[in-house]
Structures are given as structure tokens and as C-alpha cells.
Amino acid sequence: MKDFTRGPGESMPGKIVSDWRQLPGRVVQVWHYDQLVDEGSVETVSVDGGILWLEQTGPIERRMVVKELGIGQQVRVIG
């Protein structure tokens, strides 16, 4: 299993985005504090910007990500 934890001195890639409504079609990473938990292309976002659907490669093709404040969650645009 690949280690997605950021090492000491390593910076996180991309730009943090708080308004998810601008993300459809963009490649993003989902972080929880210093740990990368998911990556993929944003397929669609709910009207209020609180939920996004992430297209992925591999055995799990789609994942719903719910915006949760105060838990160290970050979505970063990388492409």
C-alpha cells in the first residue's frame, strides 16, 4: 500500500479551494490534516457546493466527498 503521508519538510501540492462549485472537471486531492486520502477528477458538485463526486481509477470508480468543517479536511486543485 502506498504511503500518502506527507514527510517532514514536504509541502502540500496545489491550491486549497473552499468554493467547491468551481471544481467540476478539475483534478483534485482530498487531504485530512497531513494525509492524502483521495485523488481524482471532480465529476459534479451539488448546487450548494457541499458535496462533490470524485471520479477515480481503480476498483472504486466514484466517491462522494462531503464538506466537513473543523476536521482538517482540505481539497486542493492539482490539475
N, C-alpha and C. Protein backbone atom coordinates (compact mmCIF):
# COMPACT_ATOMS: atom_id res chain seq x y z
N MET A 1 0.83 -1.17 0.00
CA MET A 1 0.00 0.00 0.00
C MET A 1 0.89 1.25 0.00
N LYS A 2 0.55 2.20 -0.82
CA LYS A 2 1.32 3.43 -0.93
C LYS A 2 1.09 4.31 0.30
N ASP A 3 2.16 4.92 0.79
CA ASP A 3 2.07 5.82 1.94
C ASP A 3 1.77 7.22 1.43
N PHE A 4 0.63 7.76 1.79
CA PHE A 4 0.22 9.08 1.33
C PHE A 4 0.49 10.16 2.37
N THR A 5 1.21 9.83 3.42
CA THR A 5 1.51 10.81 4.46
C THR A 5 2.63 11.73 4.00
N ARG A 6 2.47 12.99 4.26
CA ARG A 6 3.47 13.99 3.90
C ARG A 6 4.62 13.91 4.90
N GLY A 7 5.83 13.87 4.39
CA GLY A 7 7.01 13.78 5.25
C GLY A 7 7.42 15.14 5.79
N PRO A 8 8.31 15.14 6.79
CA PRO A 8 8.78 16.40 7.36
C PRO A 8 9.41 17.29 6.29
N GLY A 9 9.02 18.54 6.26
CA GLY A 9 9.59 19.49 5.31
C GLY A 9 8.95 19.45 3.93
N GLU A 10 8.08 18.49 3.66
CA GLU A 10 7.42 18.41 2.36
C GLU A 10 6.21 19.35 2.34
N SER A 11 6.06 20.09 1.26
CA SER A 11 4.89 20.96 1.15
C SER A 11 3.78 20.21 0.43
N MET A 12 2.55 20.61 0.71
CA MET A 12 1.40 20.00 0.05
C MET A 12 1.28 20.61 -1.34
N PRO A 13 0.93 19.81 -2.33
CA PRO A 13 0.80 20.33 -3.68
C PRO A 13 -0.52 21.08 -3.87
N GLY A 14 -0.57 21.89 -4.91
CA GLY A 14 -1.81 22.51 -5.33
C GLY A 14 -2.29 23.65 -4.45
N LYS A 15 -3.49 24.12 -4.79
CA LYS A 15 -4.08 25.26 -4.12
C LYS A 15 -5.35 24.82 -3.40
N ILE A 16 -5.51 25.22 -2.14
CA ILE A 16 -6.72 24.91 -1.38
C ILE A 16 -7.90 25.65 -1.99
N VAL A 17 -9.02 24.94 -2.17
CA VAL A 17 -10.23 25.55 -2.71
C VAL A 17 -11.35 25.37 -1.70
N SER A 18 -11.98 26.47 -1.31
CA SER A 18 -13.09 26.38 -0.36
C SER A 18 -14.45 26.39 -1.07
N ASP A 19 -14.54 27.00 -2.25
CA ASP A 19 -15.79 27.00 -3.01
C ASP A 19 -15.73 25.87 -4.02
N TRP A 20 -16.30 24.74 -3.66
CA TRP A 20 -16.23 23.55 -4.50
C TRP A 20 -17.03 23.68 -5.79
N ARG A 21 -17.91 24.66 -5.89
CA ARG A 21 -18.72 24.80 -7.11
C ARG A 21 -17.88 25.11 -8.33
N GLN A 22 -16.64 25.54 -8.16
CA GLN A 22 -15.75 25.84 -9.29
C GLN A 22 -14.91 24.63 -9.70
N LEU A 23 -15.15 23.46 -9.11
CA LEU A 23 -14.27 22.32 -9.32
C LEU A 23 -14.64 21.31 -10.42
N PRO A 24 -15.87 21.25 -10.95
CA PRO A 24 -16.14 20.23 -11.96
C PRO A 24 -15.12 20.24 -13.10
N GLY A 25 -14.61 19.05 -13.41
CA GLY A 25 -13.62 18.89 -14.47
C GLY A 25 -12.18 19.04 -14.00
N ARG A 26 -11.97 19.47 -12.77
CA ARG A 26 -10.61 19.69 -12.25
C ARG A 26 -10.13 18.43 -11.52
N VAL A 27 -8.82 18.23 -11.54
CA VAL A 27 -8.20 17.13 -10.78
C VAL A 27 -7.83 17.67 -9.41
N VAL A 28 -8.27 16.96 -8.37
CA VAL A 28 -8.06 17.43 -7.00
C VAL A 28 -7.51 16.32 -6.12
N GLN A 29 -6.97 16.73 -5.01
CA GLN A 29 -6.59 15.81 -3.94
C GLN A 29 -7.41 16.20 -2.71
N VAL A 30 -7.82 15.18 -1.95
CA VAL A 30 -8.54 15.39 -0.69
C VAL A 30 -7.57 15.03 0.44
N TRP A 31 -7.33 15.98 1.33
CA TRP A 31 -6.40 15.81 2.43
C TRP A 31 -7.15 15.85 3.76
N HIS A 32 -6.68 15.08 4.71
CA HIS A 32 -7.14 15.16 6.10
C HIS A 32 -5.90 15.46 6.93
N TYR A 33 -5.81 16.70 7.37
CA TYR A 33 -4.59 17.21 8.00
C TYR A 33 -3.41 16.98 7.05
N ASP A 34 -2.39 16.20 7.43
CA ASP A 34 -1.20 15.99 6.60
C ASP A 34 -1.25 14.71 5.77
N GLN A 35 -2.41 14.08 5.69
CA GLN A 35 -2.50 12.80 4.99
C GLN A 35 -3.41 12.91 3.76
N LEU A 36 -2.86 12.49 2.61
CA LEU A 36 -3.64 12.43 1.37
C LEU A 36 -4.57 11.23 1.47
N VAL A 37 -5.88 11.47 1.34
CA VAL A 37 -6.84 10.37 1.46
C VAL A 37 -7.50 10.00 0.14
N ASP A 38 -7.45 10.90 -0.85
CA ASP A 38 -8.07 10.58 -2.14
C ASP A 38 -7.60 11.55 -3.20
N GLU A 39 -7.74 11.11 -4.46
CA GLU A 39 -7.37 11.94 -5.61
C GLU A 39 -8.21 11.52 -6.79
N GLY A 40 -8.62 12.49 -7.61
CA GLY A 40 -9.38 12.17 -8.80
C GLY A 40 -9.89 13.43 -9.47
N SER A 41 -10.72 13.22 -10.48
CA SER A 41 -11.32 14.32 -11.24
C SER A 41 -12.73 14.56 -10.71
N VAL A 42 -13.08 15.82 -10.47
CA VAL A 42 -14.40 16.15 -9.95
C VAL A 42 -15.41 16.03 -11.08
N GLU A 43 -16.35 15.11 -10.91
CA GLU A 43 -17.38 14.89 -11.91
C GLU A 43 -18.48 15.94 -11.81
N THR A 44 -18.97 16.15 -10.60
CA THR A 44 -20.03 17.13 -10.39
C THR A 44 -20.01 17.58 -8.93
N VAL A 45 -20.70 18.71 -8.69
CA VAL A 45 -20.78 19.28 -7.34
C VAL A 45 -22.24 19.66 -7.09
N SER A 46 -22.70 19.49 -5.85
CA SER A 46 -24.07 19.86 -5.50
C SER A 46 -24.27 21.36 -5.66
N VAL A 47 -25.50 21.78 -5.80
CA VAL A 47 -25.83 23.19 -6.03
C VAL A 47 -25.28 24.08 -4.90
N ASP A 48 -25.33 23.60 -3.67
CA ASP A 48 -24.84 24.41 -2.54
C ASP A 48 -23.33 24.29 -2.33
N GLY A 49 -22.65 23.44 -3.11
CA GLY A 49 -21.21 23.29 -3.02
C GLY A 49 -20.74 22.47 -1.84
N GLY A 50 -21.64 21.74 -1.19
CA GLY A 50 -21.27 20.97 -0.01
C GLY A 50 -20.90 19.53 -0.28
N ILE A 51 -21.15 19.04 -1.49
CA ILE A 51 -20.86 17.65 -1.85
C ILE A 51 -20.24 17.63 -3.24
N LEU A 52 -19.21 16.81 -3.41
CA LEU A 52 -18.66 16.61 -4.75
C LEU A 52 -18.54 15.11 -5.02
N TRP A 53 -18.63 14.78 -6.31
CA TRP A 53 -18.42 13.40 -6.77
C TRP A 53 -17.07 13.34 -7.46
N LEU A 54 -16.24 12.44 -6.96
CA LEU A 54 -14.87 12.31 -7.44
C LEU A 54 -14.77 11.07 -8.32
N GLU A 55 -14.38 11.24 -9.59
CA GLU A 55 -14.11 10.12 -10.50
C GLU A 55 -12.69 9.63 -10.24
N GLN A 56 -12.53 8.32 -10.14
CA GLN A 56 -11.23 7.75 -9.83
C GLN A 56 -10.92 6.59 -10.77
N THR A 57 -9.66 6.19 -10.79
CA THR A 57 -9.27 4.98 -11.48
C THR A 57 -9.10 3.91 -10.42
N GLY A 58 -9.23 2.67 -10.83
CA GLY A 58 -9.08 1.58 -9.87
C GLY A 58 -10.41 0.93 -9.55
N PRO A 59 -10.44 0.12 -8.51
CA PRO A 59 -11.65 -0.66 -8.20
C PRO A 59 -12.84 0.20 -7.76
N ILE A 60 -12.58 1.35 -7.15
CA ILE A 60 -13.66 2.26 -6.76
C ILE A 60 -13.65 3.41 -7.76
N GLU A 61 -14.69 3.44 -8.61
CA GLU A 61 -14.71 4.40 -9.71
C GLU A 61 -15.22 5.78 -9.32
N ARG A 62 -16.07 5.85 -8.29
CA ARG A 62 -16.61 7.14 -7.87
C ARG A 62 -16.68 7.19 -6.35
N ARG A 63 -16.52 8.39 -5.83
CA ARG A 63 -16.62 8.58 -4.39
C ARG A 63 -17.30 9.90 -4.12
N MET A 64 -18.22 9.91 -3.16
CA MET A 64 -18.86 11.14 -2.74
C MET A 64 -18.04 11.73 -1.59
N VAL A 65 -17.71 13.01 -1.69
CA VAL A 65 -16.97 13.70 -0.64
C VAL A 65 -17.88 14.79 -0.10
N VAL A 66 -18.11 14.77 1.21
CA VAL A 66 -18.96 15.76 1.87
C VAL A 66 -18.07 16.76 2.59
N LYS A 67 -18.34 18.04 2.38
CA LYS A 67 -17.55 19.09 3.03
C LYS A 67 -17.87 19.09 4.52
N GLU A 68 -16.83 18.92 5.32
CA GLU A 68 -16.97 18.93 6.76
C GLU A 68 -15.99 19.93 7.35
N LEU A 69 -16.51 20.91 8.02
CA LEU A 69 -15.68 21.97 8.59
C LEU A 69 -15.13 21.54 9.95
N GLY A 70 -13.94 21.99 10.27
CA GLY A 70 -13.37 21.76 11.59
C GLY A 70 -12.75 20.41 11.81
N ILE A 71 -12.53 19.61 10.73
CA ILE A 71 -11.92 18.29 10.91
C ILE A 71 -10.59 18.16 10.16
N GLY A 72 -10.06 19.28 9.68
CA GLY A 72 -8.77 19.24 8.98
C GLY A 72 -8.87 18.80 7.54
N GLN A 73 -10.06 18.85 6.96
CA GLN A 73 -10.25 18.44 5.56
C GLN A 73 -9.88 19.58 4.63
N GLN A 74 -9.12 19.25 3.56
CA GLN A 74 -8.77 20.21 2.54
C GLN A 74 -8.92 19.57 1.17
N VAL A 75 -9.45 20.34 0.22
CA VAL A 75 -9.47 19.91 -1.17
C VAL A 75 -8.53 20.85 -1.90
N ARG A 76 -7.55 20.24 -2.62
CA ARG A 76 -6.52 21.01 -3.32
C ARG A 76 -6.58 20.70 -4.81
N VAL A 77 -6.60 21.74 -5.64
CA VAL A 77 -6.58 21.59 -7.10
C VAL A 77 -5.14 21.31 -7.51
N ILE A 78 -4.94 20.21 -8.25
CA ILE A 78 -3.60 19.88 -8.73
C ILE A 78 -3.54 19.83 -10.25
N GLY A 79 -4.68 19.95 -10.92
CA GLY A 79 -4.68 19.90 -12.37
C GLY A 79 -5.94 20.43 -12.96
